[in-house]
Amino acid sequence: KREMLLNKTGDVTPDGVYVTPYKDPNKRFGASLGNLSGGRVGIINMANTNLHLAVIIAVRYSAVRKQFGPEGEEEWPVLYYQTQYRRLMPYLSACFVMHYFSLSLYEDF
């Protein structure tokens, strides 16, 4: 029905004529897409939160889990192994980058 339109950027008269306050179609299109930007920022923040949680769990587990080590000494945490360290640290650094990116993006929108 015509009464149930989301008509922030335009409306349809009872005669069926489309009316908009924007004369330039590019501005009207930009205004329509601008409404979606808030949702996109929210998706980025949710993905960033999930990345934070996953990296926290992985780093903590790797620091606590002990396996092997020098003969006659206590076993080493898995995080001490170069392969594990090199696999986790890029994700940890990505957390910081994404965090500051999402903060600046959130402030802009």
Protein backbone atom coordinates (compact mmCIF):
# COMPACT_ATOMS: atom_id res chain seq x y z
CA LYS A 1 0.00 0.00 0.00
CA ARG A 2 1.03 3.56 -0.62
CA GLU A 3 0.54 4.51 3.04
CA MET A 4 3.11 1.97 4.20
CA LEU A 5 6.07 3.35 2.25
CA LEU A 6 9.30 4.30 3.95
CA ASN A 7 9.13 7.75 2.42
CA LYS A 8 11.99 9.70 3.90
CA THR A 9 13.55 10.50 0.51
CA GLY A 10 10.41 10.48 -1.60
CA ASP A 11 6.69 9.91 -1.65
CA VAL A 12 3.97 8.78 -4.03
CA THR A 13 0.90 10.98 -4.34
CA PRO A 14 -2.59 9.44 -4.52
CA ASP A 15 -2.42 10.09 -8.29
CA GLY A 16 0.64 7.82 -8.52
CA VAL A 17 3.22 10.58 -9.08
CA TYR A 18 6.60 10.20 -7.37
CA VAL A 19 7.63 13.36 -5.48
CA THR A 20 10.98 13.95 -3.80
CA PRO A 21 12.60 16.91 -2.04
CA TYR A 22 15.87 16.10 -3.88
CA LYS A 23 16.16 17.49 -7.39
CA ASP A 24 19.44 15.72 -8.19
CA PRO A 25 19.02 11.92 -8.50
CA ASN A 26 22.57 11.37 -7.19
CA LYS A 27 21.76 13.22 -3.97
CA ARG A 28 18.55 11.22 -3.56
CA PHE A 29 20.51 7.99 -4.08
CA GLY A 30 23.15 9.15 -1.58
CA ALA A 31 20.48 9.97 0.99
CA SER A 32 18.94 6.51 0.54
CA LEU A 33 22.29 4.78 0.97
CA GLY A 34 23.21 7.01 3.90
CA ASN A 35 20.52 5.32 5.96
CA LEU A 36 22.26 1.98 5.47
CA SER A 37 25.64 3.22 6.69
CA GLY A 38 24.67 2.96 10.36
CA GLY A 39 23.91 -0.72 9.90
CA ARG A 40 27.21 -1.31 8.18
CA VAL A 41 29.08 0.38 11.02
CA GLY A 42 27.20 -1.87 13.45
CA ILE A 43 28.20 -4.97 11.50
CA ILE A 44 31.85 -3.90 11.60
CA ASN A 45 31.63 -3.37 15.37
CA MET A 46 30.03 -6.79 15.90
CA ALA A 47 32.67 -8.52 13.77
CA ASN A 48 35.38 -6.65 15.66
CA THR A 49 33.93 -7.75 19.00
CA ASN A 50 33.88 -11.38 17.86
CA LEU A 51 37.48 -11.11 16.66
CA HIS A 52 38.50 -9.69 20.05
CA LEU A 53 36.82 -12.53 21.90
CA ALA A 54 38.32 -15.22 19.68
CA VAL A 55 41.85 -13.82 19.95
CA ILE A 56 41.58 -13.41 23.72
CA ILE A 57 40.54 -17.05 24.08
CA ALA A 58 43.30 -18.27 21.75
CA VAL A 59 46.09 -16.26 23.39
CA ARG A 60 45.02 -17.14 26.93
CA TYR A 61 44.72 -20.81 26.10
CA SER A 62 48.11 -20.80 24.38
CA ALA A 63 49.67 -19.11 27.39
CA VAL A 64 48.17 -21.59 29.87
CA ARG A 65 48.43 -24.83 27.89
CA LYS A 66 51.79 -26.45 28.48
CA GLN A 67 53.35 -29.05 26.26
CA PHE A 68 56.85 -30.45 25.96
CA GLY A 69 59.91 -28.50 27.02
CA PRO A 70 63.57 -29.04 27.89
CA GLU A 71 64.56 -32.37 29.39
CA GLY A 72 64.13 -32.40 33.18
CA GLU A 73 62.41 -28.97 33.36
CA GLU A 74 58.83 -27.80 33.47
CA GLU A 75 56.90 -27.93 30.20
CA TRP A 76 56.66 -24.72 28.14
CA PRO A 77 53.45 -22.88 27.34
CA VAL A 78 52.37 -23.46 23.75
CA LEU A 79 52.64 -19.72 23.12
CA TYR A 80 56.43 -19.95 23.47
CA TYR A 81 56.60 -21.98 20.28
CA GLN A 82 57.41 -19.86 17.28
CA THR A 83 54.76 -21.34 15.01
CA GLN A 84 51.96 -20.69 17.50
CA TYR A 85 53.25 -17.21 18.24
CA ARG A 86 53.48 -16.31 14.57
CA ARG A 87 49.97 -17.55 13.91
CA LEU A 88 48.35 -15.62 16.74
CA MET A 89 50.18 -12.29 16.66
CA PRO A 90 48.81 -11.11 13.28
CA TYR A 91 45.30 -11.62 14.62
CA LEU A 92 46.16 -9.75 17.80
CA SER A 93 47.54 -6.83 15.83
CA ALA A 94 44.47 -6.93 13.56
CA CYS A 95 42.34 -6.54 16.68
CA PHE A 96 44.03 -3.25 17.50
CA VAL A 97 43.83 -1.98 13.93
CA MET A 98 40.16 -2.93 13.56
CA HIS A 99 39.34 -1.48 16.97
CA TYR A 100 40.73 1.96 16.14
CA PHE A 101 39.28 1.82 12.63
CA SER A 102 35.81 1.03 13.95
CA LEU A 103 36.08 3.79 16.56
CA SER A 104 36.94 6.39 13.95
CA LEU A 105 34.23 5.09 11.60
CA TYR A 106 31.67 5.18 14.42
CA GLU A 107 32.61 8.79 15.24
CA ASP A 108 32.15 9.78 11.59
CA PHE A 109 28.66 8.28 11.42
